[in-house]
């Protein structure tokens, strides 16, 4: 029952925009092979 009270209490947690941004940045997944490779080549082409 204690877990339920903790879960309900966390529902009312208020985060600032900066907190949300930090969490989002920290938990962002790294791109996997085809995506990072394409992005790297696209950036090279755009600079020419």
N, C-alpha and C. Protein backbone atom coordinates (compact mmCIF):
# COMPACT_ATOMS: atom_id res chain seq x y z
N UNK A 1 0.82 -1.18 0.00
CA UNK A 1 0.00 0.00 0.00
C UNK A 1 0.88 1.27 0.00
N UNK A 2 2.03 1.18 0.63
CA UNK A 2 2.94 2.33 0.66
C UNK A 2 3.37 2.73 -0.75
N UNK A 3 3.61 1.73 -1.59
CA UNK A 3 4.00 2.00 -2.98
C UNK A 3 2.91 2.78 -3.70
N UNK A 4 1.67 2.45 -3.46
CA UNK A 4 0.55 3.16 -4.07
C UNK A 4 0.56 4.63 -3.67
N UNK A 5 0.77 4.91 -2.39
CA UNK A 5 0.82 6.30 -1.92
C UNK A 5 1.98 7.06 -2.57
N UNK A 6 3.12 6.41 -2.72
CA UNK A 6 4.26 7.05 -3.37
C UNK A 6 3.97 7.32 -4.84
N UNK A 7 3.33 6.38 -5.50
CA UNK A 7 2.98 6.56 -6.91
C UNK A 7 2.01 7.72 -7.10
N UNK A 8 1.01 7.79 -6.25
CA UNK A 8 0.02 8.86 -6.35
C UNK A 8 0.68 10.21 -6.03
N UNK A 9 1.57 10.25 -5.06
CA UNK A 9 2.26 11.49 -4.70
C UNK A 9 3.14 11.96 -5.85
N UNK A 10 3.77 11.05 -6.57
CA UNK A 10 4.64 11.44 -7.68
C UNK A 10 3.84 12.00 -8.85
N UNK A 11 2.58 11.69 -8.93
CA UNK A 11 1.74 12.19 -10.01
C UNK A 11 1.60 13.71 -9.93
N UNK A 12 1.70 14.26 -8.74
CA UNK A 12 1.55 15.70 -8.57
C UNK A 12 2.89 16.43 -8.65
N UNK A 13 3.93 15.76 -9.06
CA UNK A 13 5.25 16.35 -9.20
C UNK A 13 5.23 17.41 -10.29
N UNK A 14 5.72 18.59 -9.97
CA UNK A 14 5.79 19.68 -10.93
C UNK A 14 7.23 19.91 -11.33
N UNK A 15 7.50 19.83 -12.61
CA UNK A 15 8.85 20.05 -13.12
C UNK A 15 8.89 21.33 -13.92
N UNK A 16 9.99 22.05 -13.79
CA UNK A 16 10.16 23.25 -14.60
C UNK A 16 10.51 22.84 -16.03
N UNK A 17 10.43 23.79 -16.94
CA UNK A 17 10.80 23.51 -18.33
C UNK A 17 12.26 23.07 -18.42
N UNK A 18 13.12 23.67 -17.60
CA UNK A 18 14.53 23.31 -17.59
C UNK A 18 14.72 21.87 -17.11
N UNK A 19 13.96 21.46 -16.08
CA UNK A 19 14.04 20.08 -15.59
C UNK A 19 13.64 19.10 -16.68
N UNK A 20 12.56 19.40 -17.37
CA UNK A 20 12.08 18.52 -18.44
C UNK A 20 13.11 18.44 -19.56
N UNK A 21 13.71 19.57 -19.90
CA UNK A 21 14.73 19.59 -20.94
C UNK A 21 15.94 18.75 -20.55
N UNK A 22 16.37 18.87 -19.31
CA UNK A 22 17.51 18.07 -18.84
C UNK A 22 17.20 16.58 -18.88
N UNK A 23 16.01 16.20 -18.45
CA UNK A 23 15.62 14.79 -18.47
C UNK A 23 15.55 14.29 -19.91
N UNK A 24 14.96 15.09 -20.79
CA UNK A 24 14.84 14.71 -22.19
C UNK A 24 16.21 14.54 -22.84
N UNK A 25 17.11 15.49 -22.58
CA UNK A 25 18.47 15.40 -23.14
C UNK A 25 19.22 14.19 -22.60
N UNK A 26 19.07 13.93 -21.32
CA UNK A 26 19.78 12.82 -20.68
C UNK A 26 19.30 11.47 -21.18
N UNK A 27 18.02 11.36 -21.47
CA UNK A 27 17.44 10.06 -21.84
C UNK A 27 17.32 9.86 -23.35
N UNK A 28 17.77 10.84 -24.13
CA UNK A 28 17.69 10.71 -25.59
C UNK A 28 18.57 9.55 -26.07
N UNK A 29 18.05 8.77 -26.96
CA UNK A 29 18.79 7.62 -27.49
C UNK A 29 19.74 8.09 -28.59
N UNK A 30 20.88 7.45 -28.65
CA UNK A 30 21.82 7.73 -29.73
C UNK A 30 21.28 7.12 -31.02
N UNK A 31 21.44 7.80 -32.15
CA UNK A 31 20.96 7.23 -33.41
C UNK A 31 21.71 5.94 -33.75
N UNK A 32 21.00 4.99 -34.33
CA UNK A 32 21.64 3.75 -34.74
C UNK A 32 22.20 3.89 -36.14
N UNK A 33 22.93 2.91 -36.61
CA UNK A 33 23.77 3.00 -37.80
C UNK A 33 23.21 3.76 -39.00
N UNK A 34 22.15 3.36 -39.61
CA UNK A 34 21.84 4.07 -40.86
C UNK A 34 21.52 5.55 -40.61
N UNK A 35 20.98 5.87 -39.46
CA UNK A 35 20.56 7.25 -39.22
C UNK A 35 21.74 8.18 -38.95
N UNK A 36 22.69 7.75 -38.13
CA UNK A 36 23.82 8.64 -37.87
C UNK A 36 24.70 8.78 -39.09
N UNK A 37 24.79 7.72 -39.89
CA UNK A 37 25.63 7.76 -41.08
C UNK A 37 25.03 8.73 -42.11
N UNK A 38 23.72 8.65 -42.30
CA UNK A 38 23.05 9.56 -43.24
C UNK A 38 23.15 11.01 -42.77
N UNK A 39 22.96 11.23 -41.49
CA UNK A 39 23.03 12.60 -40.96
C UNK A 39 24.44 13.15 -41.14
N UNK A 40 25.45 12.34 -40.92
CA UNK A 40 26.83 12.79 -41.06
C UNK A 40 27.11 13.16 -42.52
N UNK A 41 26.66 12.34 -43.46
CA UNK A 41 26.90 12.62 -44.88
C UNK A 41 26.08 13.81 -45.36
N UNK A 42 24.90 13.98 -44.84
CA UNK A 42 24.06 15.11 -45.23
C UNK A 42 24.69 16.42 -44.78
N UNK A 43 25.25 16.44 -43.58
CA UNK A 43 25.90 17.66 -43.09
C UNK A 43 27.12 18.00 -43.94
N UNK A 44 27.88 16.99 -44.36
CA UNK A 44 29.05 17.24 -45.21
C UNK A 44 28.64 17.83 -46.55
N UNK A 45 27.56 17.32 -47.14
CA UNK A 45 27.10 17.82 -48.43
C UNK A 45 26.56 19.23 -48.34
N UNK A 46 25.92 19.54 -47.23
CA UNK A 46 25.32 20.86 -47.07
C UNK A 46 26.37 21.95 -46.94
N UNK A 47 27.57 21.60 -46.48
CA UNK A 47 28.59 22.61 -46.29
C UNK A 47 29.36 22.92 -47.57
N UNK A 48 29.14 22.14 -48.62
CA UNK A 48 29.85 22.37 -49.89
C UNK A 48 29.18 23.41 -50.74
